[in-house]
C-alpha atoms as a PDB file:
ATOM      1  CA  MET A   1      -0.034   0.005  -0.023  1.00  0.00           C
ATOM      2  CA  VAL A   2       1.017   3.702  -0.137  1.00  0.00           C
ATOM      3  CA  VAL A   3       0.708   6.257   2.503  1.00  0.00           C
ATOM      4  CA  LYS A   4      -1.207   8.983   0.438  1.00  0.00           C
ATOM      5  CA  GLY A   5      -4.229   9.810   2.441  1.00  0.00           C
ATOM      6  CA  GLY A   6      -2.409  10.514   5.683  1.00  0.00           C
ATOM      7  CA  PRO A   7      -3.308   9.589   9.376  1.00  0.00           C
ATOM      8  CA  VAL A   8      -7.087   9.695   8.763  1.00  0.00           C
ATOM      9  CA  LEU A   9      -6.772   6.888   6.184  1.00  0.00           C
ATOM     10  CA  ILE A  10      -4.235   4.862   8.024  1.00  0.00           C
ATOM     11  CA  ARG A  11      -6.374   5.068  11.258  1.00  0.00           C
ATOM     12  CA  ALA A  12      -9.377   3.882   9.253  1.00  0.00           C
ATOM     13  CA  TRP A  13      -7.324   0.976   7.920  1.00  0.00           C
ATOM     14  CA  MET A  14      -6.118  -0.028  11.601  1.00  0.00           C
ATOM     15  CA  GLN A  15      -9.708   0.245  12.858  1.00  0.00           C
ATOM     16  CA  GLN A  16     -10.554  -2.349  10.080  1.00  0.00           C
ATOM     17  CA  VAL A  17      -7.650  -4.452  11.138  1.00  0.00           C
ATOM     18  CA  LEU A  18      -9.008  -4.483  14.646  1.00  0.00           C
ATOM     19  CA  THR A  19     -12.511  -5.467  13.467  1.00  0.00           C
ATOM     20  CA  LEU A  20     -11.015  -8.173  11.430  1.00  0.00           C
ATOM     21  CA  ARG A  21      -9.346  -9.751  14.419  1.00  0.00           C
ATOM     22  CA  GLN A  22     -12.260  -9.228  16.789  1.00  0.00           C
ATOM     23  CA  GLU A  23     -15.040 -10.241  14.414  1.00  0.00           C
ATOM     24  CA  HIS A  24     -13.467 -12.502  11.926  1.00  0.00           C
ATOM     25  CA  GLY A  25     -10.443 -14.101  13.675  1.00  0.00           C
ATOM     26  CA  ILE A  26      -8.164 -12.817  10.946  1.00  0.00           C
ATOM     27  CA  GLU A  27      -4.779 -11.511  11.659  1.00  0.00           C
ATOM     28  CA  VAL A  28      -2.985  -9.097   9.464  1.00  0.00           C
ATOM     29  CA  ILE A  29       0.734  -8.768   8.433  1.00  0.00           C
ATOM     30  CA  TRP A  30       0.894  -5.176   6.966  1.00  0.00           C
ATOM     31  CA  VAL A  31       3.508  -4.221   4.354  1.00  0.00           C
ATOM     32  CA  THR A  32       3.994  -0.607   3.570  1.00  0.00           C
ATOM     33  CA  SER A  33       5.765   1.824   1.314  1.00  0.00           C
ATOM     34  CA  GLY A  34       6.259   5.434   1.832  1.00  0.00           C
ATOM     35  CA  ALA A  35       9.430   6.010   3.748  1.00  0.00           C
ATOM     36  CA  ILE A  36      11.076   7.990   0.895  1.00  0.00           C
ATOM     37  CA  ALA A  37       7.865   9.963   0.228  1.00  0.00           C
ATOM     38  CA  SER A  38       7.538  10.768   3.886  1.00  0.00           C
ATOM     39  CA  ALA A  39      11.006  12.263   3.881  1.00  0.00           C
ATOM     40  CA  VAL A  40      10.533  14.187   0.777  1.00  0.00           C
ATOM     41  CA  SER A  41       7.225  15.641   2.124  1.00  0.00           C
ATOM     42  CA  ARG A  42       8.686  16.624   5.397  1.00  0.00           C
ATOM     43  CA  THR A  43      11.910  18.042   4.315  1.00  0.00           C
ATOM     44  CA  ARG A  44      13.342  20.391   1.778  1.00  0.00           C
ATOM     45  CA  LEU A  45      15.857  17.924   0.433  1.00  0.00           C
ATOM     46  CA  GLY A  46      13.949  17.411  -2.852  1.00  0.00           C
ATOM     47  CA  LYS A  47      13.453  14.135  -4.792  1.00  0.00           C
ATOM     48  CA  THR A  48      15.892  11.329  -5.492  1.00  0.00           C
ATOM     49  CA  ASP A  49      16.226  11.936  -9.325  1.00  0.00           C
ATOM     50  CA  GLY A  50      17.018   8.218  -9.392  1.00  0.00           C
ATOM     51  CA  ASN A  51      20.089   8.540  -7.281  1.00  0.00           C
ATOM     52  CA  LEU A  52      20.555   5.349  -5.167  1.00  0.00           C
ATOM     53  CA  ALA A  53      22.489   7.235  -2.466  1.00  0.00           C
ATOM     54  CA  LYS A  54      19.862   9.867  -2.223  1.00  0.00           C
ATOM     55  CA  LYS A  55      17.085   7.199  -2.082  1.00  0.00           C
ATOM     56  CA  GLN A  56      18.738   5.387   0.743  1.00  0.00           C
ATOM     57  CA  ALA A  57      19.435   8.590   2.769  1.00  0.00           C
ATOM     58  CA  LEU A  58      15.919   9.721   2.365  1.00  0.00           C
ATOM     59  CA  SER A  59      14.623   6.402   3.328  1.00  0.00           C
ATOM     60  CA  ALA A  60      16.615   6.490   6.437  1.00  0.00           C
ATOM     61  CA  ILE A  61      15.050   9.960   7.256  1.00  0.00           C
ATOM     62  CA  GLY A  62      11.460   8.889   6.257  1.00  0.00           C
ATOM     63  CA  GLN A  63      11.370   5.444   7.950  1.00  0.00           C
ATOM     64  CA  PRO A  64      10.852   6.837  11.581  1.00  0.00           C
ATOM     65  CA  ILE A  65       8.434   9.345  10.406  1.00  0.00           C
ATOM     66  CA  LEU A  66       6.385   6.519   8.766  1.00  0.00           C
ATOM     67  CA  VAL A  67       6.594   4.293  11.857  1.00  0.00           C
ATOM     68  CA  ASP A  68       5.481   7.148  14.101  1.00  0.00           C
ATOM     69  CA  LEU A  69       2.437   7.737  11.874  1.00  0.00           C
ATOM     70  CA  TYR A  70       1.568   4.131  12.057  1.00  0.00           C
ATOM     71  CA  ASN A  71       2.122   4.052  15.850  1.00  0.00           C
ATOM     72  CA  LEU A  72      -0.111   6.893  16.412  1.00  0.00           C
ATOM     73  CA  CYS A  73      -2.960   5.301  14.318  1.00  0.00           C
ATOM     74  CA  LEU A  74      -2.371   1.879  16.019  1.00  0.00           C
ATOM     75  CA  GLN A  75      -2.529   3.396  19.550  1.00  0.00           C
ATOM     76  CA  ALA A  76      -5.640   5.415  18.751  1.00  0.00           C
ATOM     77  CA  THR A  77      -7.367   2.031  17.996  1.00  0.00           C
ATOM     78  CA  GLY A  78      -6.043   0.145  20.879  1.00  0.00           C
ATOM     79  CA  LEU A  79      -3.453  -1.885  18.890  1.00  0.00           C
ATOM     80  CA  LEU A  80       0.294  -2.474  19.107  1.00  0.00           C
ATOM     81  CA  GLY A  81       2.442  -2.548  16.151  1.00  0.00           C
ATOM     82  CA  ALA A  82       6.112  -3.796  15.550  1.00  0.00           C
ATOM     83  CA  GLN A  83       8.454  -2.615  12.823  1.00  0.00           C
ATOM     84  CA  VAL A  84      10.274  -5.190  10.676  1.00  0.00           C
ATOM     85  CA  LEU A  85      12.764  -3.945   7.991  1.00  0.00           C
ATOM     86  CA  LEU A  86      13.769  -6.559   5.383  1.00  0.00           C
ATOM     87  CA  THR A  87      16.311  -6.928   2.601  1.00  0.00           C
ATOM     88  CA  TYR A  88      16.006  -9.611  -0.099  1.00  0.00           C
ATOM     89  CA  GLY A  89      18.658 -11.710   1.654  1.00  0.00           C
ATOM     90  CA  ASP A  90      16.219 -12.252   4.648  1.00  0.00           C
ATOM     91  CA  ILE A  91      13.843 -13.999   2.284  1.00  0.00           C
ATOM     92  CA  ALA A  92      16.339 -15.710   0.015  1.00  0.00           C
ATOM     93  CA  ASP A  93      18.426 -17.289   2.713  1.00  0.00           C
ATOM     94  CA  HIS A  94      16.631 -20.389   4.282  1.00  0.00           C
ATOM     95  CA  ARG A  95      17.940 -19.613   7.867  1.00  0.00           C
ATOM     96  CA  ARG A  96      17.163 -16.012   7.742  1.00  0.00           C
ATOM     97  CA  ARG A  97      13.623 -16.662   6.280  1.00  0.00           C
ATOM     98  CA  ARG A  98      13.012 -19.170   9.083  1.00  0.00           C
ATOM     99  CA  ASN A  99      13.985 -16.607  11.649  1.00  0.00           C
ATOM    100  CA  LEU A 100      11.560 -14.088   9.980  1.00  0.00           C
ATOM    101  CA  GLN A 101       8.750 -16.556  10.045  1.00  0.00           C
ATOM    102  CA  ASN A 102       9.387 -17.340  13.732  1.00  0.00           C
ATOM    103  CA  THR A 103       9.353 -13.515  14.560  1.00  0.00           C
ATOM    104  CA  LEU A 104       6.157 -12.854  12.751  1.00  0.00           C
ATOM    105  CA  GLU A 105       4.424 -15.841  14.156  1.00  0.00           C
ATOM    106  CA  GLN A 106       5.418 -14.774  17.657  1.00  0.00           C
ATOM    107  CA  LEU A 107       4.300 -11.247  17.065  1.00  0.00           C
ATOM    108  CA  LEU A 108       0.855 -12.553  15.794  1.00  0.00           C
ATOM    109  CA  THR A 109       0.533 -14.827  18.742  1.00  0.00           C
ATOM    110  CA  TRP A 110       1.036 -11.747  20.830  1.00  0.00           C
ATOM    111  CA  LYS A 111      -1.550  -9.936  18.847  1.00  0.00           C
ATOM    112  CA  VAL A 112       0.936  -7.382  17.592  1.00  0.00           C
ATOM    113  CA  ILE A 113       0.548  -6.023  14.134  1.00  0.00           C
ATOM    114  CA  PRO A 114       3.729  -6.399  12.162  1.00  0.00           C
ATOM    115  CA  ILE A 115       4.551  -3.442   9.920  1.00  0.00           C
ATOM    116  CA  LEU A 116       7.028  -4.447   7.146  1.00  0.00           C
ATOM    117  CA  ASN A 117       8.965  -2.462   4.725  1.00  0.00           C
ATOM    118  CA  GLU A 118      12.124  -3.010   2.578  1.00  0.00           C
ATOM    119  CA  ASN A 119      15.141  -1.706   4.293  1.00  0.00           C
ATOM    120  CA  ASP A 120      16.017   0.803   1.528  1.00  0.00           C
ATOM    121  CA  ALA A 121      18.641   2.434   3.639  1.00  0.00           C
ATOM    122  CA  ILE A 122      21.109  -0.442   3.132  1.00  0.00           C
ATOM    123  CA  ALA A 123      19.624  -2.309   0.009  1.00  0.00           C
ATOM    124  CA  THR A 124      21.391  -2.060  -3.235  1.00  0.00           C
ATOM    125  CA  GLU A 125      19.967  -2.080  -6.767  1.00  0.00           C
ATOM    126  CA  GLU A 126      21.327  -5.755  -7.106  1.00  0.00           C
ATOM    127  CA  ILE A 127      19.554  -7.288  -4.090  1.00  0.00           C
ATOM    128  CA  ARG A 128      16.545  -5.052  -3.397  1.00  0.00           C
ATOM    129  CA  PHE A 129      13.077  -6.313  -3.970  1.00  0.00           C
ATOM    130  CA  GLY A 130      12.250  -3.230  -6.265  1.00  0.00           C
ATOM    131  CA  ASP A 131       8.862  -2.540  -4.690  1.00  0.00           C
ATOM    132  CA  ASN A 132       6.684  -3.475  -1.818  1.00  0.00           C
ATOM    133  CA  ASP A 133       4.419  -5.401  -4.026  1.00  0.00           C
ATOM    134  CA  SER A 134       7.091  -8.052  -4.526  1.00  0.00           C
ATOM    135  CA  LEU A 135       7.871  -7.874  -0.896  1.00  0.00           C
ATOM    136  CA  SER A 136       4.333  -8.498   0.081  1.00  0.00           C
ATOM    137  CA  ALA A 137       4.033 -11.548  -2.248  1.00  0.00           C
ATOM    138  CA  LYS A 138       7.224 -13.023  -0.874  1.00  0.00           C
ATOM    139  CA  VAL A 139       6.121 -12.534   2.772  1.00  0.00           C
ATOM    140  CA  ALA A 140       2.706 -14.032   2.089  1.00  0.00           C
ATOM    141  CA  SER A 141       4.290 -17.109   0.539  1.00  0.00           C
ATOM    142  CA  ALA A 142       6.704 -17.332   3.423  1.00  0.00           C
ATOM    143  CA  MET A 143       3.890 -17.162   5.988  1.00  0.00           C
ATOM    144  CA  ARG A 144       1.437 -19.310   4.024  1.00  0.00           C
ATOM    145  CA  ALA A 145      -1.196 -16.580   3.915  1.00  0.00           C
ATOM    146  CA  GLU A 146      -4.725 -17.273   2.758  1.00  0.00           C
ATOM    147  CA  ARG A 147      -4.897 -13.806   0.823  1.00  0.00           C
ATOM    148  CA  LEU A 148      -2.726 -11.103  -0.315  1.00  0.00           C
ATOM    149  CA  VAL A 149      -4.566  -7.762  -0.443  1.00  0.00           C
ATOM    150  CA  ILE A 150      -2.826  -4.949  -2.435  1.00  0.00           C
ATOM    151  CA  LEU A 151      -4.206  -1.570  -1.517  1.00  0.00           C
ATOM    152  CA  THR A 152      -3.674   0.864  -4.609  1.00  0.00           C
ATOM    153  CA  ASP A 153      -5.059   4.218  -5.811  1.00  0.00           C
ATOM    154  CA  VAL A 154      -7.254   2.755  -8.647  1.00  0.00           C
ATOM    155  CA  GLU A 155     -10.229   0.388  -8.516  1.00  0.00           C
ATOM    156  CA  GLY A 156      -8.438  -2.494  -9.718  1.00  0.00           C
ATOM    157  CA  LEU A 157      -7.377  -4.000 -13.040  1.00  0.00           C
ATOM    158  CA  TYR A 158      -8.956  -2.627 -16.194  1.00  0.00           C
ATOM    159  CA  ASP A 159      -9.143  -4.007 -19.557  1.00  0.00           C
ATOM    160  CA  SER A 160      -7.338  -0.825 -20.807  1.00  0.00           C
ATOM    161  CA  ASN A 161      -6.032   2.436 -19.365  1.00  0.00           C
ATOM    162  CA  PRO A 162      -9.010   4.082 -17.754  1.00  0.00           C
ATOM    163  CA  LYS A 163      -7.179   7.515 -17.954  1.00  0.00           C
ATOM    164  CA  ALA A 164      -6.941   7.263 -21.663  1.00  0.00           C
ATOM    165  CA  ASN A 165     -10.216   5.381 -22.382  1.00  0.00           C
ATOM    166  CA  ARG A 166     -13.294   6.387 -20.550  1.00  0.00           C
ATOM    167  CA  HIS A 167     -14.996   3.110 -21.626  1.00  0.00           C
ATOM    168  CA  ALA A 168     -12.377   0.968 -19.908  1.00  0.00           C
ATOM    169  CA  ARG A 169     -13.984  -1.890 -17.979  1.00  0.00           C
ATOM    170  CA  LEU A 170     -12.933  -3.129 -14.564  1.00  0.00           C
ATOM    171  CA  ILE A 171     -11.877  -6.785 -14.545  1.00  0.00           C
ATOM    172  CA  SER A 172     -13.516  -8.199 -11.483  1.00  0.00           C
ATOM    173  CA  ARG A 173     -12.050 -11.615 -11.767  1.00  0.00           C
ATOM    174  CA  LEU A 174      -8.861 -12.997 -13.238  1.00  0.00           C
ATOM    175  CA  ALA A 175      -8.098 -16.698 -13.064  1.00  0.00           C
ATOM    176  CA  ARG A 176      -4.466 -16.122 -13.453  1.00  0.00           C
ATOM    177  CA  VAL A 177      -1.830 -13.698 -14.552  1.00  0.00           C
ATOM    178  CA  ASP A 178      -0.142 -14.771 -17.970  1.00  0.00           C
ATOM    179  CA  ARG A 179       2.387 -13.333 -20.443  1.00  0.00           C
ATOM    180  CA  LYS A 180      -0.317 -11.657 -22.417  1.00  0.00           C
ATOM    181  CA  GLN A 181      -1.766  -9.749 -19.393  1.00  0.00           C
ATOM    182  CA  LEU A 182       1.761  -8.621 -18.485  1.00  0.00           C
ATOM    183  CA  ALA A 183       2.547  -7.480 -21.891  1.00  0.00           C
ATOM    184  CA  ALA A 184      -0.537  -5.200 -22.142  1.00  0.00           C
ATOM    185  CA  THR A 185       0.355  -3.617 -18.781  1.00  0.00           C
ATOM    186  CA  ASP A 186       2.390  -0.367 -18.465  1.00  0.00           C
ATOM    187  CA  ARG A 187       5.750  -1.290 -16.778  1.00  0.00           C
ATOM    188  CA  LYS A 188       6.857   2.251 -15.912  1.00  0.00           C
ATOM    189  CA  ARG A 189       3.993   4.150 -14.354  1.00  0.00           C
ATOM    190  CA  GLY A 190       3.949   3.984 -10.632  1.00  0.00           C
ATOM    191  CA  SER A 191       2.053   5.704  -7.950  1.00  0.00           C
ATOM    192  CA  GLU A 192       2.959   9.081  -6.316  1.00  0.00           C
ATOM    193  CA  SER A 193       4.101   7.505  -3.079  1.00  0.00           C
ATOM    194  CA  GLY A 194       5.717   4.197  -4.300  1.00  0.00           C
ATOM    195  CA  THR A 195       7.632   2.629  -7.162  1.00  0.00           C
ATOM    196  CA  GLY A 196       5.189  -0.184  -8.034  1.00  0.00           C
ATOM    197  CA  GLY A 197       2.612   0.412 -10.683  1.00  0.00           C
ATOM    198  CA  MET A 198       0.011  -2.099 -11.971  1.00  0.00           C
ATOM    199  CA  TYR A 199       2.597  -4.264 -13.662  1.00  0.00           C
ATOM    200  CA  SER A 200       4.344  -4.920 -10.230  1.00  0.00           C
ATOM    201  CA  LYS A 201       1.066  -5.715  -8.758  1.00  0.00           C
ATOM    202  CA  LEU A 202       0.343  -8.336 -11.405  1.00  0.00           C
ATOM    203  CA  LEU A 203       3.815  -9.729 -10.906  1.00  0.00           C
ATOM    204  CA  ALA A 204       3.070 -10.023  -7.151  1.00  0.00           C
ATOM    205  CA  ALA A 205      -0.292 -11.705  -7.876  1.00  0.00           C
ATOM    206  CA  GLN A 206       1.408 -14.030 -10.206  1.00  0.00           C
ATOM    207  CA  ALA A 207       3.961 -15.069  -7.585  1.00  0.00           C
ATOM    208  CA  ALA A 208       1.249 -15.376  -4.925  1.00  0.00           C
ATOM    209  CA  SER A 209      -0.771 -17.566  -7.160  1.00  0.00           C
ATOM    210  CA  ARG A 210       2.186 -19.884  -7.777  1.00  0.00           C
ATOM    211  CA  ALA A 211       2.031 -20.345  -3.906  1.00  0.00           C
ATOM    212  CA  GLY A 212      -1.692 -21.022  -3.843  1.00  0.00           C
ATOM    213  CA  ILE A 213      -2.496 -17.627  -2.614  1.00  0.00           C
ATOM    214  CA  GLU A 214      -5.446 -15.542  -3.737  1.00  0.00           C
ATOM    215  CA  THR A 215      -4.827 -11.840  -4.468  1.00  0.00           C
ATOM    216  CA  TRP A 216      -7.098  -8.761  -4.459  1.00  0.00           C
ATOM    217  CA  LEU A 217      -6.298  -5.467  -6.118  1.00  0.00           C
ATOM    218  CA  VAL A 218      -8.479  -3.008  -4.493  1.00  0.00           C
ATOM    219  CA  LYS A 219      -8.680   0.836  -4.056  1.00  0.00           C
ATOM    220  CA  GLY A 220      -7.230   1.531  -0.628  1.00  0.00           C
ATOM    221  CA  ASP A 221      -9.316   4.632   0.277  1.00  0.00           C
ATOM    222  CA  LEU A 222     -12.817   3.060  -0.273  1.00  0.00           C
ATOM    223  CA  PRO A 223     -14.800   2.758   2.939  1.00  0.00           C
ATOM    224  CA  SER A 224     -14.276  -0.468   4.807  1.00  0.00           C
ATOM    225  CA  ILE A 225     -12.474  -2.039   1.975  1.00  0.00           C
ATOM    226  CA  LEU A 226     -10.704  -4.566   4.091  1.00  0.00           C
ATOM    227  CA  LEU A 227     -13.922  -5.657   5.566  1.00  0.00           C
ATOM    228  CA  LYS A 228     -15.453  -5.892   2.172  1.00  0.00           C
ATOM    229  CA  VAL A 229     -12.635  -8.227   1.047  1.00  0.00           C
ATOM    230  CA  ALA A 230     -13.112 -10.284   4.177  1.00  0.00           C
ATOM    231  CA  ALA A 231     -16.695 -10.565   3.284  1.00  0.00           C
ATOM    232  CA  ASP A 232     -16.016 -11.730  -0.278  1.00  0.00           C
ATOM    233  CA  GLU A 233     -17.806  -8.796  -1.650  1.00  0.00           C
ATOM    234  CA  ILE A 234     -17.417  -7.839  -5.356  1.00  0.00           C
ATOM    235  CA  VAL A 235     -14.679  -5.095  -5.167  1.00  0.00           C
ATOM    236  CA  GLY A 236     -11.523  -4.621  -7.188  1.00  0.00           C
ATOM    237  CA  THR A 237      -9.951  -7.352  -9.039  1.00  0.00           C
ATOM    238  CA  ARG A 238      -9.679 -10.885  -7.616  1.00  0.00           C
ATOM    239  CA  ILE A 239      -6.762 -13.014  -8.989  1.00  0.00           C
ATOM    240  CA  GLY A 240      -6.422 -16.639  -8.692  1.00  0.00           C
ATOM    241  CA  GLY A 241      -7.969 -18.818  -5.788  1.00  0.00           C
ATOM    242  CA  ALA A 242     -11.133 -20.860  -6.041  1.00  0.00           C
ATOM    243  CA  LYS A 243     -13.330 -20.181  -9.255  1.00  0.00           C
END
């Protein structure tokens, strides 16, 4: 997900996370982006212009800002959160992945919400996940999650670009992500607060499907969106899973 929407939106999400636990017995592992965007919006240091050192430095500034925001919203709803920063090696290495699984399982046992993000301050271009969509799919797979829910700034996946074609139709159900679907999707366009666009989300859904995990692409600022997903309402785009 991205942080655009500020504390009001994040607090609404955390309230839904609480409801999911209390009324549905669902525990949530939260993967977030927005460390660099938080630093840019809070400081006068400007944008990264693609410079890796600047990205890493801004991430180091923005990460505590982002976590403070989450902590305020969690506390307002009576929840406790825990920050977990990851690099690709933490997932790729069997021993480190097992340590991660143990940590997340313990946090969930304690009813603590894990807040995950890539450790951009030390990751390099060669080993970094690239975006938090990829990270979320890898974590979902490692934790054998039932669902991967990706919150974005659009309603879901369309049959064409809705900004260029006003007749574009939302695809509510997709059995799988194939090469044809990927080829028809813009690889470059991301959101204002994150690096991943729809292409990266489809790649994440494809990876989740291979692990037997259903993916939902939904608009993050819709009212009670997480509760609607839990209730199997027709929202966004549902990929993989039972037909």
